[in-house]
């Protein structure tokens, strides 16, 4: 039986990953400082004898034993969270990465790092492929997250080339599903919560900007496949189906039978106009593509929020 360390394991994606790893017959050490993660996301796993949960801030070293691989998901991920504490966010992209890579080197085990489509910034090419260097404002309000993730990728490559660490880099595009925080400020959670309360659905800008939304189960399948591969360069993981923000708002209102109206506010600084993954590399190296449509995924997600609000 393999035992995996999942950092940020009580977060949205990390908790789903812990559950999948356990269901696949592995043991899991879930590490979280609970700054943005929620212990309730993994409470149903505590009865599993192969699941361990520890509270730890990875900006200080951690020394686990008997670990066969690391999934590094420890970082604030929503604009509300990472802009609330930009210094801590940058530390997660630098100090924490040093510490996690040090673990992988000491134990001689593979590490998969959860990077992000935000490394592409407000992209000038469309769709975005892994060889695109991005268009990122290094001093803007999103820079603490964008640049933190970019330097983390640089550190992973450096440790691979100069210390022989076995790395995987997943560039994750917009993902949604159960275990999202209703207060995280992401567009899917915002729209669903507003619609369920019959409050105005807030659209920033004209709503014609686009995103590509991947259901969490599809994303986790891609993560597992990537870890099980031997590919050591960045790989896009996301759903290539592209929707405008207006499309999403109208779909959420319809699926919730909401009486909400649409209102418009100014677009935030550096908010990307289009975001869409080229997943041809993932198709090729891990035989992966998402299978859940946006409507199907929203139908699975809305009941989660309905229970919480």
C-alpha atoms as a PDB file:
ATOM      1  CA  UNK A   1       0.000   0.000   0.000  1.00  0.00           C
ATOM      2  CA  UNK A   2       1.322   3.431  -0.949  1.00  0.00           C
ATOM      3  CA  UNK A   3       1.062   6.302   1.526  1.00  0.00           C
ATOM      4  CA  UNK A   4       0.751   9.792   0.062  1.00  0.00           C
ATOM      5  CA  UNK A   5       1.177  13.207   1.613  1.00  0.00           C
ATOM      6  CA  UNK A   6      -1.483  15.672   0.455  1.00  0.00           C
ATOM      7  CA  UNK A   7      -0.631  19.232   1.478  1.00  0.00           C
ATOM      8  CA  UNK A   8      -3.614  21.559   1.593  1.00  0.00           C
ATOM      9  CA  UNK A   9      -5.620  18.361   1.953  1.00  0.00           C
ATOM     10  CA  UNK A  10      -8.579  19.981   3.710  1.00  0.00           C
ATOM     11  CA  UNK A  11      -9.120  22.461   0.884  1.00  0.00           C
ATOM     12  CA  UNK A  12     -11.553  22.167  -2.014  1.00  0.00           C
ATOM     13  CA  UNK A  13      -9.345  20.163  -4.372  1.00  0.00           C
ATOM     14  CA  UNK A  14      -7.172  18.556  -1.701  1.00  0.00           C
ATOM     15  CA  UNK A  15     -10.135  16.978   0.099  1.00  0.00           C
ATOM     16  CA  UNK A  16     -11.430  15.407  -3.107  1.00  0.00           C
ATOM     17  CA  UNK A  17      -7.931  14.103  -3.824  1.00  0.00           C
ATOM     18  CA  UNK A  18      -7.648  12.561  -0.343  1.00  0.00           C
ATOM     19  CA  UNK A  19     -10.953  10.765  -0.840  1.00  0.00           C
ATOM     20  CA  UNK A  20      -9.963   9.472  -4.287  1.00  0.00           C
ATOM     21  CA  UNK A  21      -6.579   8.194  -3.046  1.00  0.00           C
ATOM     22  CA  UNK A  22      -8.232   6.353  -0.159  1.00  0.00           C
ATOM     23  CA  UNK A  23     -10.864   4.870  -2.468  1.00  0.00           C
ATOM     24  CA  UNK A  24      -8.051   3.621  -4.694  1.00  0.00           C
ATOM     25  CA  UNK A  25      -6.585   1.657  -1.773  1.00  0.00           C
ATOM     26  CA  UNK A  26      -3.867   4.058  -0.620  1.00  0.00           C
ATOM     27  CA  UNK A  27      -3.076   5.587   2.751  1.00  0.00           C
ATOM     28  CA  UNK A  28      -3.121   9.379   3.098  1.00  0.00           C
ATOM     29  CA  UNK A  29      -1.418  11.874   5.385  1.00  0.00           C
ATOM     30  CA  UNK A  30      -3.447  15.074   5.015  1.00  0.00           C
ATOM     31  CA  UNK A  31      -1.614  18.245   6.004  1.00  0.00           C
ATOM     32  CA  UNK A  32      -3.324  21.631   6.350  1.00  0.00           C
ATOM     33  CA  UNK A  33      -2.909  24.798   8.406  1.00  0.00           C
ATOM     34  CA  UNK A  34      -6.662  25.502   8.055  1.00  0.00           C
ATOM     35  CA  UNK A  35      -6.054  29.097   6.992  1.00  0.00           C
ATOM     36  CA  UNK A  36      -8.314  28.489   3.994  1.00  0.00           C
ATOM     37  CA  UNK A  37      -8.964  24.742   4.245  1.00  0.00           C
ATOM     38  CA  UNK A  38     -11.960  23.425   6.175  1.00  0.00           C
ATOM     39  CA  UNK A  39     -11.730  20.390   8.451  1.00  0.00           C
ATOM     40  CA  UNK A  40     -15.362  19.589   7.624  1.00  0.00           C
ATOM     41  CA  UNK A  41     -14.240  18.735   4.081  1.00  0.00           C
ATOM     42  CA  UNK A  42     -12.390  15.677   5.395  1.00  0.00           C
ATOM     43  CA  UNK A  43     -14.425  14.863   8.522  1.00  0.00           C
ATOM     44  CA  UNK A  44     -16.040  11.897   6.755  1.00  0.00           C
ATOM     45  CA  UNK A  45     -12.570  10.411   6.158  1.00  0.00           C
ATOM     46  CA  UNK A  46     -11.432  10.390   9.802  1.00  0.00           C
ATOM     47  CA  UNK A  47     -12.944   6.966  10.490  1.00  0.00           C
ATOM     48  CA  UNK A  48     -10.742   5.434   7.794  1.00  0.00           C
ATOM     49  CA  UNK A  49      -7.701   3.819   9.499  1.00  0.00           C
ATOM     50  CA  UNK A  50      -5.562   4.729   6.481  1.00  0.00           C
ATOM     51  CA  UNK A  51      -6.241   8.465   6.882  1.00  0.00           C
ATOM     52  CA  UNK A  52      -4.203  10.777   9.110  1.00  0.00           C
ATOM     53  CA  UNK A  53      -4.798  14.515   9.532  1.00  0.00           C
ATOM     54  CA  UNK A  54      -2.207  16.958  10.854  1.00  0.00           C
ATOM     55  CA  UNK A  55      -2.222  20.734  11.249  1.00  0.00           C
ATOM     56  CA  UNK A  56       0.980  22.328   9.977  1.00  0.00           C
ATOM     57  CA  UNK A  57       2.066  25.547   8.263  1.00  0.00           C
ATOM     58  CA  UNK A  58       4.446  24.561   5.467  1.00  0.00           C
ATOM     59  CA  UNK A  59       6.389  27.812   5.631  1.00  0.00           C
ATOM     60  CA  UNK A  60       8.232  25.877   8.367  1.00  0.00           C
ATOM     61  CA  UNK A  61       9.827  22.476   7.653  1.00  0.00           C
ATOM     62  CA  UNK A  62       7.938  19.216   8.096  1.00  0.00           C
ATOM     63  CA  UNK A  63       9.568  15.796   8.377  1.00  0.00           C
ATOM     64  CA  UNK A  64       7.236  12.919   7.485  1.00  0.00           C
ATOM     65  CA  UNK A  65       8.344   9.309   7.194  1.00  0.00           C
ATOM     66  CA  UNK A  66       7.102   6.386   5.108  1.00  0.00           C
ATOM     67  CA  UNK A  67       5.725   8.554   2.311  1.00  0.00           C
ATOM     68  CA  UNK A  68       5.645   7.287  -1.294  1.00  0.00           C
ATOM     69  CA  UNK A  69       4.700  10.555  -2.987  1.00  0.00           C
ATOM     70  CA  UNK A  70       3.606  14.145  -2.398  1.00  0.00           C
ATOM     71  CA  UNK A  71       0.656  16.042  -3.847  1.00  0.00           C
ATOM     72  CA  UNK A  72       1.291  19.722  -3.110  1.00  0.00           C
ATOM     73  CA  UNK A  73      -2.004  21.626  -2.970  1.00  0.00           C
ATOM     74  CA  UNK A  74      -1.142  23.991  -0.108  1.00  0.00           C
ATOM     75  CA  UNK A  75      -1.957  27.556  -1.180  1.00  0.00           C
ATOM     76  CA  UNK A  76      -4.768  30.076  -1.036  1.00  0.00           C
ATOM     77  CA  UNK A  77      -6.521  29.772  -4.385  1.00  0.00           C
ATOM     78  CA  UNK A  78      -9.374  32.267  -4.573  1.00  0.00           C
ATOM     79  CA  UNK A  79      -8.910  36.027  -5.108  1.00  0.00           C
ATOM     80  CA  UNK A  80     -10.641  36.747  -1.790  1.00  0.00           C
ATOM     81  CA  UNK A  81      -8.157  34.546   0.084  1.00  0.00           C
ATOM     82  CA  UNK A  82      -4.909  35.381  -1.652  1.00  0.00           C
ATOM     83  CA  UNK A  83      -5.520  39.136  -1.774  1.00  0.00           C
ATOM     84  CA  UNK A  84      -6.470  39.124   1.920  1.00  0.00           C
ATOM     85  CA  UNK A  85      -2.937  38.016   2.815  1.00  0.00           C
ATOM     86  CA  UNK A  86      -0.602  38.534  -0.146  1.00  0.00           C
ATOM     87  CA  UNK A  87       2.572  38.082   1.907  1.00  0.00           C
ATOM     88  CA  UNK A  88       1.477  34.648   3.172  1.00  0.00           C
ATOM     89  CA  UNK A  89       0.436  33.757  -0.374  1.00  0.00           C
ATOM     90  CA  UNK A  90       3.908  34.593  -1.687  1.00  0.00           C
ATOM     91  CA  UNK A  91       5.468  32.588   1.130  1.00  0.00           C
ATOM     92  CA  UNK A  92       3.442  29.565  -0.016  1.00  0.00           C
ATOM     93  CA  UNK A  93       4.931  29.980  -3.493  1.00  0.00           C
ATOM     94  CA  UNK A  94       8.481  30.259  -2.164  1.00  0.00           C
ATOM     95  CA  UNK A  95       9.274  29.118   1.407  1.00  0.00           C
ATOM     96  CA  UNK A  96       6.655  26.366   1.432  1.00  0.00           C
ATOM     97  CA  UNK A  97       7.798  25.068  -1.950  1.00  0.00           C
ATOM     98  CA  UNK A  98      11.408  24.896  -0.712  1.00  0.00           C
ATOM     99  CA  UNK A  99      10.248  22.839   2.254  1.00  0.00           C
ATOM    100  CA  UNK A 100       8.069  20.480   0.232  1.00  0.00           C
ATOM    101  CA  UNK A 101      10.759  19.955  -2.389  1.00  0.00           C
ATOM    102  CA  UNK A 102      13.212  19.301   0.420  1.00  0.00           C
ATOM    103  CA  UNK A 103      10.930  16.503   1.629  1.00  0.00           C
ATOM    104  CA  UNK A 104      10.767  14.984  -1.839  1.00  0.00           C
ATOM    105  CA  UNK A 105      14.551  15.133  -2.178  1.00  0.00           C
ATOM    106  CA  UNK A 106      15.239  13.661   1.268  1.00  0.00           C
ATOM    107  CA  UNK A 107      12.783  10.793   0.803  1.00  0.00           C
ATOM    108  CA  UNK A 108      13.557  10.319  -2.916  1.00  0.00           C
ATOM    109  CA  UNK A 109       9.878  10.351  -3.872  1.00  0.00           C
ATOM    110  CA  UNK A 110       7.857  12.018  -6.658  1.00  0.00           C
ATOM    111  CA  UNK A 111       6.030  15.292  -6.098  1.00  0.00           C
ATOM    112  CA  UNK A 112       3.051  16.637  -8.023  1.00  0.00           C
ATOM    113  CA  UNK A 113       2.574  20.381  -7.699  1.00  0.00           C
ATOM    114  CA  UNK A 114      -0.786  22.069  -8.204  1.00  0.00           C
ATOM    115  CA  UNK A 115       0.039  25.038 -10.391  1.00  0.00           C
ATOM    116  CA  UNK A 116      -2.582  27.140 -12.131  1.00  0.00           C
ATOM    117  CA  UNK A 117      -3.783  28.696 -15.348  1.00  0.00           C
ATOM    118  CA  UNK A 118      -3.053  32.014 -13.630  1.00  0.00           C
ATOM    119  CA  UNK A 119       0.583  31.593 -14.734  1.00  0.00           C
ATOM    120  CA  UNK A 120      -0.723  32.704 -18.154  1.00  0.00           C
ATOM    121  CA  UNK A 121      -2.122  35.950 -16.703  1.00  0.00           C
ATOM    122  CA  UNK A 122      -4.411  37.819 -19.101  1.00  0.00           C
ATOM    123  CA  UNK A 123      -3.384  35.751 -22.131  1.00  0.00           C
ATOM    124  CA  UNK A 124      -2.679  37.245 -25.528  1.00  0.00           C
ATOM    125  CA  UNK A 125      -2.974  33.889 -27.305  1.00  0.00           C
ATOM    126  CA  UNK A 126      -5.982  31.601 -27.326  1.00  0.00           C
ATOM    127  CA  UNK A 127      -6.334  28.831 -26.310  1.00  0.00           C
ATOM    128  CA  UNK A 128      -3.356  28.599 -23.958  1.00  0.00           C
ATOM    129  CA  UNK A 129      -0.800  25.842 -24.478  1.00  0.00           C
ATOM    130  CA  UNK A 130       2.037  24.904 -22.159  1.00  0.00           C
ATOM    131  CA  UNK A 131       4.676  26.618 -24.311  1.00  0.00           C
ATOM    132  CA  UNK A 132       3.033  30.043 -23.830  1.00  0.00           C
ATOM    133  CA  UNK A 133       4.986  32.200 -21.345  1.00  0.00           C
ATOM    134  CA  UNK A 134       2.021  34.281 -20.275  1.00  0.00           C
ATOM    135  CA  UNK A 135       1.093  37.936 -19.824  1.00  0.00           C
ATOM    136  CA  UNK A 136       1.300  38.635 -16.083  1.00  0.00           C
ATOM    137  CA  UNK A 137       1.430  41.956 -14.242  1.00  0.00           C
ATOM    138  CA  UNK A 138       4.146  41.366 -11.601  1.00  0.00           C
ATOM    139  CA  UNK A 139       2.977  44.222  -9.352  1.00  0.00           C
ATOM    140  CA  UNK A 140      -0.803  44.036  -9.783  1.00  0.00           C
ATOM    141  CA  UNK A 141      -3.373  42.885  -7.182  1.00  0.00           C
ATOM    142  CA  UNK A 142      -3.233  39.303  -8.461  1.00  0.00           C
ATOM    143  CA  UNK A 143       0.583  39.140  -8.570  1.00  0.00           C
ATOM    144  CA  UNK A 144       0.994  37.509  -5.156  1.00  0.00           C
ATOM    145  CA  UNK A 145      -0.763  34.419  -6.495  1.00  0.00           C
ATOM    146  CA  UNK A 146       0.266  34.535 -10.163  1.00  0.00           C
ATOM    147  CA  UNK A 147       3.946  35.177  -9.544  1.00  0.00           C
ATOM    148  CA  UNK A 148       4.042  32.865  -6.531  1.00  0.00           C
ATOM    149  CA  UNK A 149       2.854  30.028  -8.749  1.00  0.00           C
ATOM    150  CA  UNK A 150       5.301  30.992 -11.494  1.00  0.00           C
ATOM    151  CA  UNK A 151       8.316  30.987  -9.171  1.00  0.00           C
ATOM    152  CA  UNK A 152       7.114  27.679  -7.696  1.00  0.00           C
ATOM    153  CA  UNK A 153       7.282  26.128 -11.162  1.00  0.00           C
ATOM    154  CA  UNK A 154      10.807  27.519 -11.561  1.00  0.00           C
ATOM    155  CA  UNK A 155      11.832  25.941  -8.263  1.00  0.00           C
ATOM    156  CA  UNK A 156      10.394  22.583  -9.261  1.00  0.00           C
ATOM    157  CA  UNK A 157      12.317  22.611 -12.546  1.00  0.00           C
ATOM    158  CA  UNK A 158      15.518  23.643 -10.731  1.00  0.00           C
ATOM    159  CA  UNK A 159      15.167  20.815  -8.209  1.00  0.00           C
ATOM    160  CA  UNK A 160      14.485  18.374 -11.030  1.00  0.00           C
ATOM    161  CA  UNK A 161      17.499  19.468 -13.075  1.00  0.00           C
ATOM    162  CA  UNK A 162      20.010  19.997 -10.264  1.00  0.00           C
ATOM    163  CA  UNK A 163      18.857  17.665  -7.470  1.00  0.00           C
ATOM    164  CA  UNK A 164      17.168  14.887  -9.424  1.00  0.00           C
ATOM    165  CA  UNK A 165      13.738  15.340  -7.817  1.00  0.00           C
ATOM    166  CA  UNK A 166      10.964  13.518  -9.713  1.00  0.00           C
ATOM    167  CA  UNK A 167       8.422  16.289 -10.424  1.00  0.00           C
ATOM    168  CA  UNK A 168       4.970  16.709 -11.981  1.00  0.00           C
ATOM    169  CA  UNK A 169       3.382  20.118 -12.667  1.00  0.00           C
ATOM    170  CA  UNK A 170      -0.384  20.411 -13.203  1.00  0.00           C
ATOM    171  CA  UNK A 171      -1.577  23.773 -14.536  1.00  0.00           C
ATOM    172  CA  UNK A 172      -5.139  23.686 -13.255  1.00  0.00           C
ATOM    173  CA  UNK A 173      -7.863  25.740 -14.940  1.00  0.00           C
ATOM    174  CA  UNK A 174     -11.145  26.846 -13.313  1.00  0.00           C
ATOM    175  CA  UNK A 175     -12.530  23.919 -11.319  1.00  0.00           C
ATOM    176  CA  UNK A 176     -15.809  23.695  -9.424  1.00  0.00           C
ATOM    177  CA  UNK A 177     -17.838  21.217  -7.394  1.00  0.00           C
ATOM    178  CA  UNK A 178     -18.803  20.260  -3.828  1.00  0.00           C
ATOM    179  CA  UNK A 179     -16.522  21.433  -0.985  1.00  0.00           C
ATOM    180  CA  UNK A 180     -16.112  24.902  -2.493  1.00  0.00           C
ATOM    181  CA  UNK A 181     -16.268  27.667   0.103  1.00  0.00           C
ATOM    182  CA  UNK A 182     -19.416  29.786  -0.374  1.00  0.00           C
ATOM    183  CA  UNK A 183     -17.365  32.864   0.574  1.00  0.00           C
ATOM    184  CA  UNK A 184     -14.406  32.227  -1.735  1.00  0.00           C
ATOM    185  CA  UNK A 185     -15.390  34.874  -4.274  1.00  0.00           C
ATOM    186  CA  UNK A 186     -15.125  32.560  -7.286  1.00  0.00           C
ATOM    187  CA  UNK A 187     -17.645  33.015 -10.010  1.00  0.00           C
ATOM    188  CA  UNK A 188     -19.384  29.620  -9.709  1.00  0.00           C
ATOM    189  CA  UNK A 189     -19.838  29.846  -5.944  1.00  0.00           C
ATOM    190  CA  UNK A 190     -20.877  33.513  -6.168  1.00  0.00           C
ATOM    191  CA  UNK A 191     -23.527  32.840  -8.794  1.00  0.00           C
ATOM    192  CA  UNK A 192     -24.955  29.751  -7.110  1.00  0.00           C
ATOM    193  CA  UNK A 193     -25.192  31.397  -3.682  1.00  0.00           C
ATOM    194  CA  UNK A 194     -26.778  34.548  -5.097  1.00  0.00           C
ATOM    195  CA  UNK A 195     -29.245  32.569  -7.202  1.00  0.00           C
ATOM    196  CA  UNK A 196     -30.295  30.256  -4.354  1.00  0.00           C
ATOM    197  CA  UNK A 197     -31.050  33.344  -2.242  1.00  0.00           C
ATOM    198  CA  UNK A 198     -32.867  35.040  -5.158  1.00  0.00           C
ATOM    199  CA  UNK A 199     -30.436  37.921  -4.840  1.00  0.00           C
ATOM    200  CA  UNK A 200     -29.081  39.840  -7.848  1.00  0.00           C
ATOM    201  CA  UNK A 201     -26.409  37.847  -9.687  1.00  0.00           C
ATOM    202  CA  UNK A 202     -23.350  40.084  -9.932  1.00  0.00           C
ATOM    203  CA  UNK A 203     -21.497  40.181 -13.243  1.00  0.00           C
ATOM    204  CA  UNK A 204     -18.221  42.084 -13.450  1.00  0.00           C
ATOM    205  CA  UNK A 205     -17.785  43.868 -16.760  1.00  0.00           C
ATOM    206  CA  UNK A 206     -20.063  43.097 -19.690  1.00  0.00           C
ATOM    207  CA  UNK A 207     -20.085  39.361 -18.963  1.00  0.00           C
ATOM    208  CA  UNK A 208     -18.680  38.479 -22.373  1.00  0.00           C
ATOM    209  CA  UNK A 209     -15.324  37.435 -20.885  1.00  0.00           C
ATOM    210  CA  UNK A 210     -14.963  33.659 -21.049  1.00  0.00           C
ATOM    211  CA  UNK A 211     -13.855  30.846 -18.785  1.00  0.00           C
ATOM    212  CA  UNK A 212     -13.589  27.074 -19.080  1.00  0.00           C
ATOM    213  CA  UNK A 213     -15.104  25.194 -16.139  1.00  0.00           C
ATOM    214  CA  UNK A 214     -13.910  21.716 -15.154  1.00  0.00           C
ATOM    215  CA  UNK A 215     -15.889  19.524 -12.738  1.00  0.00           C
ATOM    216  CA  UNK A 216     -13.772  18.431  -9.792  1.00  0.00           C
ATOM    217  CA  UNK A 217     -14.027  14.662 -10.376  1.00  0.00           C
ATOM    218  CA  UNK A 218     -12.634  15.073 -13.889  1.00  0.00           C
ATOM    219  CA  UNK A 219      -9.783  17.217 -12.584  1.00  0.00           C
ATOM    220  CA  UNK A 220      -8.841  14.727  -9.851  1.00  0.00           C
ATOM    221  CA  UNK A 221      -8.769  11.934 -12.423  1.00  0.00           C
ATOM    222  CA  UNK A 222      -6.291  13.993 -14.449  1.00  0.00           C
ATOM    223  CA  UNK A 223      -4.174  14.625 -11.332  1.00  0.00           C
ATOM    224  CA  UNK A 224      -3.945  10.894 -10.565  1.00  0.00           C
ATOM    225  CA  UNK A 225      -3.075  10.067 -14.169  1.00  0.00           C
ATOM    226  CA  UNK A 226      -0.367  12.733 -14.242  1.00  0.00           C
ATOM    227  CA  UNK A 227       1.233  11.496 -11.021  1.00  0.00           C
ATOM    228  CA  UNK A 228       1.269   7.969 -12.439  1.00  0.00           C
ATOM    229  CA  UNK A 229       3.036   9.167 -15.592  1.00  0.00           C
ATOM    230  CA  UNK A 230       6.712  10.022 -15.912  1.00  0.00           C
ATOM    231  CA  UNK A 231       6.204  13.443 -17.540  1.00  0.00           C
ATOM    232  CA  UNK A 232       8.205  16.188 -15.813  1.00  0.00           C
ATOM    233  CA  UNK A 233       7.072  19.407 -17.512  1.00  0.00           C
ATOM    234  CA  UNK A 234       3.882  21.456 -17.044  1.00  0.00           C
ATOM    235  CA  UNK A 235       0.586  19.964 -18.237  1.00  0.00           C
ATOM    236  CA  UNK A 236      -2.704  21.848 -18.627  1.00  0.00           C
ATOM    237  CA  UNK A 237      -5.675  20.238 -16.876  1.00  0.00           C
ATOM    238  CA  UNK A 238      -9.038  21.844 -17.557  1.00  0.00           C
ATOM    239  CA  UNK A 239     -12.193  21.631 -19.606  1.00  0.00           C
ATOM    240  CA  UNK A 240     -11.741  23.131 -23.097  1.00  0.00           C
ATOM    241  CA  UNK A 241     -15.459  23.960 -23.436  1.00  0.00           C
ATOM    242  CA  UNK A 242     -15.631  27.755 -23.268  1.00  0.00           C
ATOM    243  CA  UNK A 243     -18.510  29.741 -21.777  1.00  0.00           C
ATOM    244  CA  UNK A 244     -19.092  33.430 -21.296  1.00  0.00           C
ATOM    245  CA  UNK A 245     -19.800  34.633 -17.773  1.00  0.00           C
ATOM    246  CA  UNK A 246     -23.276  35.595 -18.983  1.00  0.00           C
ATOM    247  CA  UNK A 247     -23.833  32.023 -20.208  1.00  0.00           C
ATOM    248  CA  UNK A 248     -22.850  30.695 -16.801  1.00  0.00           C
ATOM    249  CA  UNK A 249     -25.088  33.149 -14.936  1.00  0.00           C
ATOM    250  CA  UNK A 250     -28.135  32.282 -17.019  1.00  0.00           C
ATOM    251  CA  UNK A 251     -27.501  28.552 -16.659  1.00  0.00           C
ATOM    252  CA  UNK A 252     -27.210  28.823 -12.864  1.00  0.00           C
ATOM    253  CA  UNK A 253     -30.391  30.906 -12.629  1.00  0.00           C
ATOM    254  CA  UNK A 254     -32.246  28.339 -14.743  1.00  0.00           C
ATOM    255  CA  UNK A 255     -30.985  25.302 -12.808  1.00  0.00           C
ATOM    256  CA  UNK A 256     -31.828  26.851  -9.433  1.00  0.00           C
ATOM    257  CA  UNK A 257     -35.238  28.122 -10.593  1.00  0.00           C
ATOM    258  CA  UNK A 258     -34.124  31.473  -9.244  1.00  0.00           C
ATOM    259  CA  UNK A 259     -35.867  34.819  -9.518  1.00  0.00           C
ATOM    260  CA  UNK A 260     -32.524  36.610  -9.509  1.00  0.00           C
ATOM    261  CA  UNK A 261     -31.822  39.455 -11.911  1.00  0.00           C
ATOM    262  CA  UNK A 262     -28.449  40.285 -13.422  1.00  0.00           C
ATOM    263  CA  UNK A 263     -26.519  43.357 -12.301  1.00  0.00           C
ATOM    264  CA  UNK A 264     -23.201  44.626 -13.655  1.00  0.00           C
ATOM    265  CA  UNK A 265     -20.203  46.058 -11.813  1.00  0.00           C
ATOM    266  CA  UNK A 266     -16.770  47.235 -12.961  1.00  0.00           C
ATOM    267  CA  UNK A 267     -14.312  44.567 -14.059  1.00  0.00           C
ATOM    268  CA  UNK A 268     -11.464  44.077 -11.519  1.00  0.00           C
ATOM    269  CA  UNK A 269      -7.904  45.068 -12.486  1.00  0.00           C
ATOM    270  CA  UNK A 270      -6.011  42.431 -14.517  1.00  0.00           C
ATOM    271  CA  UNK A 271      -9.056  40.156 -14.755  1.00  0.00           C
ATOM    272  CA  UNK A 272      -8.427  37.865 -17.780  1.00  0.00           C
ATOM    273  CA  UNK A 273     -10.710  38.425 -20.782  1.00  0.00           C
ATOM    274  CA  UNK A 274     -10.433  34.860 -22.069  1.00  0.00           C
ATOM    275  CA  UNK A 275      -9.174  31.698 -20.450  1.00  0.00           C
ATOM    276  CA  UNK A 276      -9.268  28.375 -22.257  1.00  0.00           C
ATOM    277  CA  UNK A 277      -6.897  25.387 -22.009  1.00  0.00           C
ATOM    278  CA  UNK A 278      -5.276  23.588 -24.885  1.00  0.00           C
ATOM    279  CA  UNK A 279      -5.305  20.046 -23.445  1.00  0.00           C
ATOM    280  CA  UNK A 280      -3.786  18.250 -26.426  1.00  0.00           C
ATOM    281  CA  UNK A 281      -0.702  17.430 -24.329  1.00  0.00           C
ATOM    282  CA  UNK A 282      -2.834  15.843 -21.596  1.00  0.00           C
ATOM    283  CA  UNK A 283      -4.707  13.913 -24.277  1.00  0.00           C
ATOM    284  CA  UNK A 284      -1.405  12.605 -25.577  1.00  0.00           C
ATOM    285  CA  UNK A 285       0.649  11.781 -22.488  1.00  0.00           C
ATOM    286  CA  UNK A 286      -2.007  10.674 -19.961  1.00  0.00           C
ATOM    287  CA  UNK A 287      -4.963   9.916 -22.261  1.00  0.00           C
ATOM    288  CA  UNK A 288      -7.101  12.410 -20.355  1.00  0.00           C
ATOM    289  CA  UNK A 289      -9.991  14.675 -21.215  1.00  0.00           C
ATOM    290  CA  UNK A 290     -12.926  15.754 -19.030  1.00  0.00           C
ATOM    291  CA  UNK A 291     -16.276  14.052 -19.515  1.00  0.00           C
ATOM    292  CA  UNK A 292     -18.656  16.129 -17.362  1.00  0.00           C
ATOM    293  CA  UNK A 293     -20.621  18.899 -19.090  1.00  0.00           C
ATOM    294  CA  UNK A 294     -21.091  22.225 -17.329  1.00  0.00           C
ATOM    295  CA  UNK A 295     -24.822  21.623 -16.870  1.00  0.00           C
ATOM    296  CA  UNK A 296     -24.244  18.141 -15.452  1.00  0.00           C
ATOM    297  CA  UNK A 297     -21.549  19.393 -13.099  1.00  0.00           C
ATOM    298  CA  UNK A 298     -23.658  22.290 -11.854  1.00  0.00           C
ATOM    299  CA  UNK A 299     -26.503  19.880 -11.083  1.00  0.00           C
ATOM    300  CA  UNK A 300     -24.083  17.971  -8.827  1.00  0.00           C
ATOM    301  CA  UNK A 301     -22.718  21.155  -7.255  1.00  0.00           C
ATOM    302  CA  UNK A 302     -25.848  23.190  -6.500  1.00  0.00           C
ATOM    303  CA  UNK A 303     -27.148  20.801  -3.770  1.00  0.00           C
ATOM    304  CA  UNK A 304     -23.855  21.249  -1.867  1.00  0.00           C
ATOM    305  CA  UNK A 305     -24.436  24.991  -1.613  1.00  0.00           C
ATOM    306  CA  UNK A 306     -28.136  24.537  -0.940  1.00  0.00           C
ATOM    307  CA  UNK A 307     -27.242  22.612   2.239  1.00  0.00           C
ATOM    308  CA  UNK A 308     -24.864  25.327   3.447  1.00  0.00           C
ATOM    309  CA  UNK A 309     -26.822  28.538   2.965  1.00  0.00           C
END
